[in-house]
Amino acid sequence: MDPSTQLYEQDATGWQRGMYEDVKTTLRAPIVNWFFRTLTANEPVFARYMWGQLKPLFQTRAFGDYTVSYRDTVLSALEDGSPDLPRYRRDDLDVRPAEWRELRGQLATFDIVAPRLALTFAVCDRAMNDGPLESDPDDAASMAPLPPWLDRDRGRSVTMIDDDGVPNDLSDAIDGIREFHGLEGGLPSIYRCLAQWPGYLDLAWTDLEPILESAAFERGCDDADAVVDAHLEKLPYVPRLSPTALADQGFDKSTVEELQEFVRSFNRGAIETVLTAIFVYAATLDAAGERSL
């Protein structure tokens, strides 16, 4: 696995192009995450098999309940235990109307994707590393269809800058962001996106740093983990992603071990606070999604 090698959407052809379209349609967001792009570039056969196993998990009402609960637990924890979140208007950021629409729209895309990625990473990591998942649906929502309106017509296509393209006047903010999340490699996509609007990111980080470092945010992250764990106990079916299942599909031991390490790196460490912080940024611009069904 070479994490620097990705198959971007504009370069995808054939079944890979079709799968990317399916990923975006199923996840209801105009973006194919780095996780999928890297797997498709390095292990295309596995990426196709994995997506076939994962796709049904995103199509139930119980999944919709999970996505809004995951978001709500983070924001509710902050509302209950920290100073009010800052709320910015366009005039506060001195941006043109078109820039304002792009900023809010792209941030809304990350807000949509965050709960979906959290579940993707957790399912893959648990199935491939920690032992079997369980399927014990106990109500109609576990098998009922995902509401068609949820997260529809939200978000805009995402653009980002390279790590070496971050404006110099953001250096202090980026240093603080790296230290808070414990980042050692490149910046996560959300920050490479927000860095396109340095006036917003610099102001938001200054205002949000003490909130993100608070006990309330830590509690929100723990509560979000609990929401994921609870949903994993009631999946509509069990994806066949265990090492044994992958061996049965013809994947050799060394490939499976590389895949195990890859998915583990996404589900553990800095990614937890990166995903949950997305909701906090989105809330500052009134770009966060539903918090209940």
C-alpha atoms as a PDB file:
ATOM      1  CA  MET A   1       0.000   0.000   0.000  1.00  0.00           C
ATOM      2  CA  ASP A   2       1.393   3.346  -1.087  1.00  0.00           C
ATOM      3  CA  PRO A   3      -0.759   6.055   0.561  1.00  0.00           C
ATOM      4  CA  SER A   4       0.648   8.668  -1.795  1.00  0.00           C
ATOM      5  CA  THR A   5      -0.819   6.828  -4.800  1.00  0.00           C
ATOM      6  CA  GLN A   6      -4.467   7.620  -5.475  1.00  0.00           C
ATOM      7  CA  LEU A   7      -6.885   7.249  -8.353  1.00  0.00           C
ATOM      8  CA  TYR A   8      -8.588  10.616  -8.689  1.00  0.00           C
ATOM      9  CA  GLU A   9     -12.107  10.965 -10.005  1.00  0.00           C
ATOM     10  CA  GLN A  10     -11.053  12.662 -13.227  1.00  0.00           C
ATOM     11  CA  ASP A  11      -8.707   9.746 -14.003  1.00  0.00           C
ATOM     12  CA  ALA A  12     -11.157   6.947 -13.226  1.00  0.00           C
ATOM     13  CA  THR A  13     -12.470   4.949 -16.186  1.00  0.00           C
ATOM     14  CA  GLY A  14     -14.541   1.825 -16.694  1.00  0.00           C
ATOM     15  CA  TRP A  15     -15.882   0.108 -13.590  1.00  0.00           C
ATOM     16  CA  GLN A  16     -13.794   2.379 -11.360  1.00  0.00           C
ATOM     17  CA  ARG A  17     -15.566   5.438 -12.706  1.00  0.00           C
ATOM     18  CA  GLY A  18     -18.888   3.702 -12.163  1.00  0.00           C
ATOM     19  CA  MET A  19     -17.968   2.764  -8.604  1.00  0.00           C
ATOM     20  CA  TYR A  20     -16.981   6.341  -7.803  1.00  0.00           C
ATOM     21  CA  GLU A  21     -20.339   7.548  -9.068  1.00  0.00           C
ATOM     22  CA  ASP A  22     -22.020   4.925  -6.904  1.00  0.00           C
ATOM     23  CA  VAL A  23     -19.992   5.962  -3.847  1.00  0.00           C
ATOM     24  CA  LYS A  24     -21.003   9.599  -4.277  1.00  0.00           C
ATOM     25  CA  THR A  25     -24.652   8.731  -4.893  1.00  0.00           C
ATOM     26  CA  THR A  26     -24.863   6.308  -1.986  1.00  0.00           C
ATOM     27  CA  LEU A  27     -23.069   8.590   0.454  1.00  0.00           C
ATOM     28  CA  ARG A  28     -25.068  11.571  -0.838  1.00  0.00           C
ATOM     29  CA  ALA A  29     -22.029  13.808  -1.127  1.00  0.00           C
ATOM     30  CA  PRO A  30     -20.096  15.081  -4.173  1.00  0.00           C
ATOM     31  CA  ILE A  31     -16.752  13.682  -3.009  1.00  0.00           C
ATOM     32  CA  VAL A  32     -14.805  10.420  -3.097  1.00  0.00           C
ATOM     33  CA  ASN A  33     -12.665  10.306   0.026  1.00  0.00           C
ATOM     34  CA  TRP A  34      -8.920   9.660   0.067  1.00  0.00           C
ATOM     35  CA  PHE A  35      -9.620   6.280   1.713  1.00  0.00           C
ATOM     36  CA  PHE A  36     -11.470   5.029  -1.369  1.00  0.00           C
ATOM     37  CA  ARG A  37      -9.117   6.692  -3.854  1.00  0.00           C
ATOM     38  CA  THR A  38      -6.049   5.101  -2.255  1.00  0.00           C
ATOM     39  CA  LEU A  39      -7.557   1.622  -2.055  1.00  0.00           C
ATOM     40  CA  THR A  40      -8.730   1.810  -5.659  1.00  0.00           C
ATOM     41  CA  ALA A  41      -5.274   2.823  -6.859  1.00  0.00           C
ATOM     42  CA  ASN A  42      -3.365   0.241  -4.816  1.00  0.00           C
ATOM     43  CA  GLU A  43      -5.760  -2.707  -4.505  1.00  0.00           C
ATOM     44  CA  PRO A  44      -8.542  -2.209  -7.060  1.00  0.00           C
ATOM     45  CA  VAL A  45      -9.961  -5.729  -6.714  1.00  0.00           C
ATOM     46  CA  PHE A  46     -10.264  -5.307  -2.963  1.00  0.00           C
ATOM     47  CA  ALA A  47     -11.773  -1.814  -3.332  1.00  0.00           C
ATOM     48  CA  ARG A  48     -14.506  -3.196  -5.598  1.00  0.00           C
ATOM     49  CA  TYR A  49     -15.194  -6.125  -3.264  1.00  0.00           C
ATOM     50  CA  MET A  50     -15.173  -3.908  -0.159  1.00  0.00           C
ATOM     51  CA  TRP A  51     -17.632  -1.433  -1.649  1.00  0.00           C
ATOM     52  CA  GLY A  52     -20.016  -4.259  -2.523  1.00  0.00           C
ATOM     53  CA  GLN A  53     -19.897  -5.375   1.102  1.00  0.00           C
ATOM     54  CA  LEU A  54     -20.292  -1.879   2.565  1.00  0.00           C
ATOM     55  CA  LYS A  55     -22.892  -0.267   0.325  1.00  0.00           C
ATOM     56  CA  PRO A  56     -26.034  -1.779   1.912  1.00  0.00           C
ATOM     57  CA  LEU A  57     -24.998  -0.416   5.311  1.00  0.00           C
ATOM     58  CA  PHE A  58     -25.663   3.133   4.091  1.00  0.00           C
ATOM     59  CA  GLN A  59     -29.191   2.521   2.856  1.00  0.00           C
ATOM     60  CA  THR A  60     -31.361   2.032   5.956  1.00  0.00           C
ATOM     61  CA  ARG A  61     -33.317   4.385   8.154  1.00  0.00           C
ATOM     62  CA  ALA A  62     -31.301   3.142  11.128  1.00  0.00           C
ATOM     63  CA  PHE A  63     -28.211   4.388   9.328  1.00  0.00           C
ATOM     64  CA  GLY A  64     -29.884   7.776   8.875  1.00  0.00           C
ATOM     65  CA  ASP A  65     -30.679   7.828  12.603  1.00  0.00           C
ATOM     66  CA  TYR A  66     -27.045   7.038  13.307  1.00  0.00           C
ATOM     67  CA  THR A  67     -25.714   9.905  11.137  1.00  0.00           C
ATOM     68  CA  VAL A  68     -27.802  12.581  12.827  1.00  0.00           C
ATOM     69  CA  SER A  69     -27.116  11.158  16.300  1.00  0.00           C
ATOM     70  CA  TYR A  70     -23.373  11.111  15.639  1.00  0.00           C
ATOM     71  CA  ARG A  71     -23.486  14.809  14.741  1.00  0.00           C
ATOM     72  CA  ASP A  72     -25.843  15.733  17.553  1.00  0.00           C
ATOM     73  CA  THR A  73     -23.809  14.116  20.322  1.00  0.00           C
ATOM     74  CA  VAL A  74     -20.803  16.284  19.485  1.00  0.00           C
ATOM     75  CA  LEU A  75     -22.694  19.563  19.223  1.00  0.00           C
ATOM     76  CA  SER A  76     -24.913  18.806  22.235  1.00  0.00           C
ATOM     77  CA  ALA A  77     -21.872  18.144  24.411  1.00  0.00           C
ATOM     78  CA  LEU A  78     -20.473  21.554  23.479  1.00  0.00           C
ATOM     79  CA  GLU A  79     -23.778  23.320  24.031  1.00  0.00           C
ATOM     80  CA  ASP A  80     -24.079  21.769  27.474  1.00  0.00           C
ATOM     81  CA  GLY A  81     -20.541  22.274  28.675  1.00  0.00           C
ATOM     82  CA  SER A  82     -18.656  25.102  27.009  1.00  0.00           C
ATOM     83  CA  PRO A  83     -19.030  28.720  25.915  1.00  0.00           C
ATOM     84  CA  ASP A  84     -21.314  29.361  22.987  1.00  0.00           C
ATOM     85  CA  LEU A  85     -19.864  28.462  19.611  1.00  0.00           C
ATOM     86  CA  PRO A  86     -18.999  31.490  17.501  1.00  0.00           C
ATOM     87  CA  ARG A  87     -21.342  32.150  14.595  1.00  0.00           C
ATOM     88  CA  TYR A  88     -19.980  34.037  11.612  1.00  0.00           C
ATOM     89  CA  ARG A  89     -21.723  36.046   8.940  1.00  0.00           C
ATOM     90  CA  ARG A  90     -20.272  36.904   5.560  1.00  0.00           C
ATOM     91  CA  ASP A  91     -19.424  40.413   6.688  1.00  0.00           C
ATOM     92  CA  ASP A  92     -17.365  38.993   9.551  1.00  0.00           C
ATOM     93  CA  LEU A  93     -15.071  37.248   7.076  1.00  0.00           C
ATOM     94  CA  ASP A  94     -14.888  39.931   4.399  1.00  0.00           C
ATOM     95  CA  VAL A  95     -15.539  37.497   1.545  1.00  0.00           C
ATOM     96  CA  ARG A  96     -17.544  37.953  -1.624  1.00  0.00           C
ATOM     97  CA  PRO A  97     -20.962  36.274  -1.945  1.00  0.00           C
ATOM     98  CA  ALA A  98     -19.615  33.603  -4.299  1.00  0.00           C
ATOM     99  CA  GLU A  99     -16.792  32.749  -1.890  1.00  0.00           C
ATOM    100  CA  TRP A 100     -19.270  32.610   0.992  1.00  0.00           C
ATOM    101  CA  ARG A 101     -21.449  30.110  -0.894  1.00  0.00           C
ATOM    102  CA  GLU A 102     -18.438  27.957  -1.742  1.00  0.00           C
ATOM    103  CA  LEU A 103     -17.100  27.984   1.819  1.00  0.00           C
ATOM    104  CA  ARG A 104     -20.433  26.998   3.348  1.00  0.00           C
ATOM    105  CA  GLY A 105     -21.221  24.498   0.605  1.00  0.00           C
ATOM    106  CA  GLN A 106     -17.875  22.713   0.774  1.00  0.00           C
ATOM    107  CA  LEU A 107     -17.995  22.612   4.563  1.00  0.00           C
ATOM    108  CA  ALA A 108     -21.491  21.112   4.320  1.00  0.00           C
ATOM    109  CA  THR A 109     -20.040  18.332   2.152  1.00  0.00           C
ATOM    110  CA  PHE A 110     -17.580  17.394   4.887  1.00  0.00           C
ATOM    111  CA  ASP A 111     -20.420  17.581   7.421  1.00  0.00           C
ATOM    112  CA  ILE A 112     -22.341  15.020   5.332  1.00  0.00           C
ATOM    113  CA  VAL A 113     -19.395  12.702   4.851  1.00  0.00           C
ATOM    114  CA  ALA A 114     -18.015  12.647   8.418  1.00  0.00           C
ATOM    115  CA  PRO A 115     -20.549  10.206   9.951  1.00  0.00           C
ATOM    116  CA  ARG A 116     -20.312   7.987   6.876  1.00  0.00           C
ATOM    117  CA  LEU A 117     -16.540   7.833   7.053  1.00  0.00           C
ATOM    118  CA  ALA A 118     -16.624   7.138  10.793  1.00  0.00           C
ATOM    119  CA  LEU A 119     -18.819   4.105  10.140  1.00  0.00           C
ATOM    120  CA  THR A 120     -16.737   2.966   7.160  1.00  0.00           C
ATOM    121  CA  PHE A 121     -13.510   3.069   9.143  1.00  0.00           C
ATOM    122  CA  ALA A 122     -15.061   1.384  12.189  1.00  0.00           C
ATOM    123  CA  VAL A 123     -16.663  -1.438  10.189  1.00  0.00           C
ATOM    124  CA  CYS A 124     -13.509  -2.173   8.201  1.00  0.00           C
ATOM    125  CA  ASP A 125     -11.229  -2.021  11.239  1.00  0.00           C
ATOM    126  CA  ARG A 126     -13.436  -4.191  13.409  1.00  0.00           C
ATOM    127  CA  ALA A 127     -14.158  -6.730  10.686  1.00  0.00           C
ATOM    128  CA  MET A 128     -10.547  -7.022   9.573  1.00  0.00           C
ATOM    129  CA  ASN A 129      -8.698  -6.622  12.884  1.00  0.00           C
ATOM    130  CA  ASP A 130     -10.782  -7.020  16.024  1.00  0.00           C
ATOM    131  CA  GLY A 131     -13.002  -9.986  15.285  1.00  0.00           C
ATOM    132  CA  PRO A 132     -16.448 -10.608  13.819  1.00  0.00           C
ATOM    133  CA  LEU A 133     -19.193  -8.018  13.676  1.00  0.00           C
ATOM    134  CA  GLU A 134     -22.702  -8.850  14.804  1.00  0.00           C
ATOM    135  CA  SER A 135     -26.023  -8.410  13.025  1.00  0.00           C
ATOM    136  CA  ASP A 136     -28.948  -8.140  15.413  1.00  0.00           C
ATOM    137  CA  PRO A 137     -31.528  -5.713  13.986  1.00  0.00           C
ATOM    138  CA  ASP A 138     -34.418  -5.346  16.391  1.00  0.00           C
ATOM    139  CA  ASP A 139     -36.760  -2.780  14.861  1.00  0.00           C
ATOM    140  CA  ALA A 140     -38.221  -1.644  11.560  1.00  0.00           C
ATOM    141  CA  ALA A 141     -35.636   1.103  11.113  1.00  0.00           C
ATOM    142  CA  SER A 142     -32.889  -1.509  10.854  1.00  0.00           C
ATOM    143  CA  MET A 143     -34.288  -2.684   7.530  1.00  0.00           C
ATOM    144  CA  ALA A 144     -36.414   0.294   6.407  1.00  0.00           C
ATOM    145  CA  PRO A 145     -35.076   2.498   3.578  1.00  0.00           C
ATOM    146  CA  LEU A 146     -33.045   5.626   4.201  1.00  0.00           C
ATOM    147  CA  PRO A 147     -35.293   8.712   3.971  1.00  0.00           C
ATOM    148  CA  PRO A 148     -34.773  10.096   0.458  1.00  0.00           C
ATOM    149  CA  TRP A 149     -34.599  13.703   1.653  1.00  0.00           C
ATOM    150  CA  LEU A 150     -31.811  13.245   4.192  1.00  0.00           C
ATOM    151  CA  ASP A 151     -28.705  15.199   3.117  1.00  0.00           C
ATOM    152  CA  ARG A 152     -30.051  15.617  -0.405  1.00  0.00           C
ATOM    153  CA  ASP A 153     -29.209  18.851  -2.212  1.00  0.00           C
ATOM    154  CA  ARG A 154     -26.580  19.824   0.356  1.00  0.00           C
ATOM    155  CA  GLY A 155     -22.919  20.389  -0.218  1.00  0.00           C
ATOM    156  CA  ARG A 156     -20.750  21.426  -3.136  1.00  0.00           C
ATOM    157  CA  SER A 157     -17.838  19.768  -4.920  1.00  0.00           C
ATOM    158  CA  VAL A 158     -14.732  20.068  -2.782  1.00  0.00           C
ATOM    159  CA  THR A 159     -11.510  21.824  -3.777  1.00  0.00           C
ATOM    160  CA  MET A 160      -8.291  21.789  -1.765  1.00  0.00           C
ATOM    161  CA  ILE A 161      -4.797  23.187  -1.759  1.00  0.00           C
ATOM    162  CA  ASP A 162      -1.601  21.156  -1.424  1.00  0.00           C
ATOM    163  CA  ASP A 163       0.193  20.967   1.908  1.00  0.00           C
ATOM    164  CA  ASP A 164       2.952  23.189   0.575  1.00  0.00           C
ATOM    165  CA  GLY A 165       0.412  25.707  -0.691  1.00  0.00           C
ATOM    166  CA  VAL A 166      -0.904  26.756   2.721  1.00  0.00           C
ATOM    167  CA  PRO A 167      -0.632  30.568   3.016  1.00  0.00           C
ATOM    168  CA  ASN A 168       2.172  31.794   5.257  1.00  0.00           C
ATOM    169  CA  ASP A 169      -0.222  33.842   7.357  1.00  0.00           C
ATOM    170  CA  LEU A 170      -1.848  30.573   8.486  1.00  0.00           C
ATOM    171  CA  SER A 171       1.376  29.113   9.870  1.00  0.00           C
ATOM    172  CA  ASP A 172       0.477  29.705  13.530  1.00  0.00           C
ATOM    173  CA  ALA A 173      -3.018  28.281  13.081  1.00  0.00           C
ATOM    174  CA  ILE A 174      -1.708  25.228  11.226  1.00  0.00           C
ATOM    175  CA  ASP A 175       0.884  24.600  13.934  1.00  0.00           C
ATOM    176  CA  GLY A 176      -1.873  24.708  16.532  1.00  0.00           C
ATOM    177  CA  ILE A 177      -4.095  22.427  14.463  1.00  0.00           C
ATOM    178  CA  ARG A 178      -1.297  19.891  14.026  1.00  0.00           C
ATOM    179  CA  GLU A 179      -0.522  19.889  17.738  1.00  0.00           C
ATOM    180  CA  PHE A 180      -4.162  19.551  18.782  1.00  0.00           C
ATOM    181  CA  HIS A 181      -4.957  16.622  16.482  1.00  0.00           C
ATOM    182  CA  GLY A 182      -1.551  14.992  16.847  1.00  0.00           C
ATOM    183  CA  LEU A 183      -0.873  15.165  13.114  1.00  0.00           C
ATOM    184  CA  GLU A 184       2.476  13.926  11.867  1.00  0.00           C
ATOM    185  CA  GLY A 185       1.936  13.646   8.120  1.00  0.00           C
ATOM    186  CA  GLY A 186       0.010  15.797   5.670  1.00  0.00           C
ATOM    187  CA  LEU A 187      -2.964  17.923   6.601  1.00  0.00           C
ATOM    188  CA  PRO A 188      -6.369  16.204   6.496  1.00  0.00           C
ATOM    189  CA  SER A 189      -8.650  17.144   3.606  1.00  0.00           C
ATOM    190  CA  ILE A 190     -10.907  19.342   5.737  1.00  0.00           C
ATOM    191  CA  TYR A 191      -8.037  21.673   6.610  1.00  0.00           C
ATOM    192  CA  ARG A 192      -6.601  21.754   3.092  1.00  0.00           C
ATOM    193  CA  CYS A 193     -10.080  22.795   2.010  1.00  0.00           C
ATOM    194  CA  LEU A 194     -10.612  25.476   4.666  1.00  0.00           C
ATOM    195  CA  ALA A 195      -7.131  26.891   4.051  1.00  0.00           C
ATOM    196  CA  GLN A 196      -8.514  28.258   0.766  1.00  0.00           C
ATOM    197  CA  TRP A 197     -10.225  30.852   2.990  1.00  0.00           C
ATOM    198  CA  PRO A 198      -7.389  31.860   5.343  1.00  0.00           C
ATOM    199  CA  GLY A 199      -9.433  34.655   6.884  1.00  0.00           C
ATOM    200  CA  TYR A 200     -12.028  32.145   8.036  1.00  0.00           C
ATOM    201  CA  LEU A 201      -9.664  29.395   9.171  1.00  0.00           C
ATOM    202  CA  ASP A 202      -7.413  31.760  11.134  1.00  0.00           C
ATOM    203  CA  LEU A 203     -10.374  33.388  12.891  1.00  0.00           C
ATOM    204  CA  ALA A 204     -12.194  30.101  13.487  1.00  0.00           C
ATOM    205  CA  TRP A 205      -9.140  28.348  14.916  1.00  0.00           C
ATOM    206  CA  THR A 206      -8.438  31.251  17.278  1.00  0.00           C
ATOM    207  CA  ASP A 207     -12.011  31.126  18.558  1.00  0.00           C
ATOM    208  CA  LEU A 208     -12.414  27.335  18.544  1.00  0.00           C
ATOM    209  CA  GLU A 209      -9.076  26.175  19.940  1.00  0.00           C
ATOM    210  CA  PRO A 210     -10.124  26.515  23.612  1.00  0.00           C
ATOM    211  CA  ILE A 211     -13.472  24.885  22.832  1.00  0.00           C
ATOM    212  CA  LEU A 212     -11.901  21.929  21.025  1.00  0.00           C
ATOM    213  CA  GLU A 213      -9.443  21.492  23.894  1.00  0.00           C
ATOM    214  CA  SER A 214     -12.247  21.489  26.466  1.00  0.00           C
ATOM    215  CA  ALA A 215     -13.570  18.560  28.462  1.00  0.00           C
ATOM    216  CA  ALA A 216     -16.901  19.109  26.707  1.00  0.00           C
ATOM    217  CA  PHE A 217     -15.447  18.332  23.279  1.00  0.00           C
ATOM    218  CA  GLU A 218     -13.633  15.304  24.660  1.00  0.00           C
ATOM    219  CA  ARG A 219     -16.936  14.096  26.072  1.00  0.00           C
ATOM    220  CA  GLY A 220     -18.574  14.708  22.695  1.00  0.00           C
ATOM    221  CA  CYS A 221     -15.949  12.545  20.986  1.00  0.00           C
ATOM    222  CA  ASP A 222     -16.514   9.763  23.513  1.00  0.00           C
ATOM    223  CA  ASP A 223     -20.274  10.013  23.005  1.00  0.00           C
ATOM    224  CA  ALA A 224     -19.804   9.864  19.234  1.00  0.00           C
ATOM    225  CA  ASP A 225     -17.737   6.683  19.621  1.00  0.00           C
ATOM    226  CA  ALA A 226     -20.568   5.210  21.669  1.00  0.00           C
ATOM    227  CA  VAL A 227     -23.045   6.052  18.897  1.00  0.00           C
ATOM    228  CA  VAL A 228     -20.879   4.188  16.383  1.00  0.00           C
ATOM    229  CA  ASP A 229     -20.538   1.185  18.699  1.00  0.00           C
ATOM    230  CA  ALA A 230     -24.281   1.050  19.308  1.00  0.00           C
ATOM    231  CA  HIS A 231     -25.009   1.134  15.583  1.00  0.00           C
ATOM    232  CA  LEU A 232     -22.490  -1.637  14.909  1.00  0.00           C
ATOM    233  CA  GLU A 233     -24.514  -3.931  17.169  1.00  0.00           C
ATOM    234  CA  LYS A 234     -27.613  -3.609  14.978  1.00  0.00           C
ATOM    235  CA  LEU A 235     -26.319  -3.770  11.425  1.00  0.00           C
ATOM    236  CA  PRO A 236     -28.758  -5.167   8.857  1.00  0.00           C
ATOM    237  CA  TYR A 237     -26.155  -7.747   7.872  1.00  0.00           C
ATOM    238  CA  VAL A 238     -22.490  -8.549   8.459  1.00  0.00           C
ATOM    239  CA  PRO A 239     -20.040  -7.482   5.731  1.00  0.00           C
ATOM    240  CA  ARG A 240     -17.697 -10.328   4.803  1.00  0.00           C
ATOM    241  CA  LEU A 241     -14.407  -8.541   5.393  1.00  0.00           C
ATOM    242  CA  SER A 242     -12.710 -10.797   7.920  1.00  0.00           C
ATOM    243  CA  PRO A 243      -9.228 -12.145   7.080  1.00  0.00           C
ATOM    244  CA  THR A 244     -10.793 -15.560   6.501  1.00  0.00           C
ATOM    245  CA  ALA A 245     -13.415 -14.132   4.148  1.00  0.00           C
ATOM    246  CA  LEU A 246     -10.758 -12.213   2.240  1.00  0.00           C
ATOM    247  CA  ALA A 247      -8.616 -15.341   1.944  1.00  0.00           C
ATOM    248  CA  ASP A 248     -11.648 -17.147   0.539  1.00  0.00           C
ATOM    249  CA  GLN A 249     -11.865 -14.407  -2.093  1.00  0.00           C
ATOM    250  CA  GLY A 250      -8.282 -15.103  -3.149  1.00  0.00           C
ATOM    251  CA  PHE A 251      -6.401 -12.329  -1.334  1.00  0.00           C
ATOM    252  CA  ASP A 252      -2.999 -13.571  -0.140  1.00  0.00           C
ATOM    253  CA  LYS A 253      -1.801 -13.202   3.442  1.00  0.00           C
ATOM    254  CA  SER A 254       0.625 -10.326   2.817  1.00  0.00           C
ATOM    255  CA  THR A 255      -2.046  -8.310   1.013  1.00  0.00           C
ATOM    256  CA  VAL A 256      -4.528  -8.885   3.828  1.00  0.00           C
ATOM    257  CA  GLU A 257      -1.964  -7.792   6.403  1.00  0.00           C
ATOM    258  CA  GLU A 258      -1.255  -4.580   4.499  1.00  0.00           C
ATOM    259  CA  LEU A 259      -4.985  -3.890   4.243  1.00  0.00           C
ATOM    260  CA  GLN A 260      -5.440  -4.537   7.961  1.00  0.00           C
ATOM    261  CA  GLU A 261      -2.770  -1.982   8.794  1.00  0.00           C
ATOM    262  CA  PHE A 262      -4.199   0.530   6.328  1.00  0.00           C
ATOM    263  CA  VAL A 263      -7.763   0.454   7.688  1.00  0.00           C
ATOM    264  CA  ARG A 264      -6.490   0.497  11.268  1.00  0.00           C
ATOM    265  CA  SER A 265      -4.598   3.733  10.583  1.00  0.00           C
ATOM    266  CA  PHE A 266      -7.839   5.428   9.539  1.00  0.00           C
ATOM    267  CA  ASN A 267      -9.896   4.289  12.513  1.00  0.00           C
ATOM    268  CA  ARG A 268      -7.448   5.036  15.305  1.00  0.00           C
ATOM    269  CA  GLY A 269      -5.567   8.104  16.386  1.00  0.00           C
ATOM    270  CA  ALA A 270      -6.002  11.634  15.052  1.00  0.00           C
ATOM    271  CA  ILE A 271      -8.894  10.833  12.710  1.00  0.00           C
ATOM    272  CA  GLU A 272     -11.387  10.713  15.598  1.00  0.00           C
ATOM    273  CA  THR A 273     -10.991  14.367  16.532  1.00  0.00           C
ATOM    274  CA  VAL A 274     -10.661  15.431  12.879  1.00  0.00           C
ATOM    275  CA  LEU A 275     -14.051  13.968  11.958  1.00  0.00           C
ATOM    276  CA  THR A 276     -15.871  15.311  15.002  1.00  0.00           C
ATOM    277  CA  ALA A 277     -14.295  18.773  14.662  1.00  0.00           C
ATOM    278  CA  ILE A 278     -15.920  19.052  11.228  1.00  0.00           C
ATOM    279  CA  PHE A 279     -19.327  19.498  12.865  1.00  0.00           C
ATOM    280  CA  VAL A 280     -17.978  22.319  15.006  1.00  0.00           C
ATOM    281  CA  TYR A 281     -16.626  24.217  12.012  1.00  0.00           C
ATOM    282  CA  ALA A 282     -19.873  23.622  10.112  1.00  0.00           C
ATOM    283  CA  ALA A 283     -21.917  24.970  13.009  1.00  0.00           C
ATOM    284  CA  THR A 284     -20.001  28.252  12.954  1.00  0.00           C
ATOM    285  CA  LEU A 285     -21.394  28.920   9.466  1.00  0.00           C
ATOM    286  CA  ASP A 286     -24.832  27.343   9.989  1.00  0.00           C
ATOM    287  CA  ALA A 287     -23.795  24.609   7.543  1.00  0.00           C
ATOM    288  CA  ALA A 288     -24.344  21.624   9.831  1.00  0.00           C
ATOM    289  CA  GLY A 289     -27.000  19.103   8.883  1.00  0.00           C
ATOM    290  CA  GLU A 290     -29.939  17.581  10.705  1.00  0.00           C
ATOM    291  CA  ARG A 291     -29.557  16.579  14.335  1.00  0.00           C
ATOM    292  CA  SER A 292     -32.645  14.369  14.622  1.00  0.00           C
ATOM    293  CA  LEU A 293     -35.099  12.501  12.431  1.00  0.00           C
END
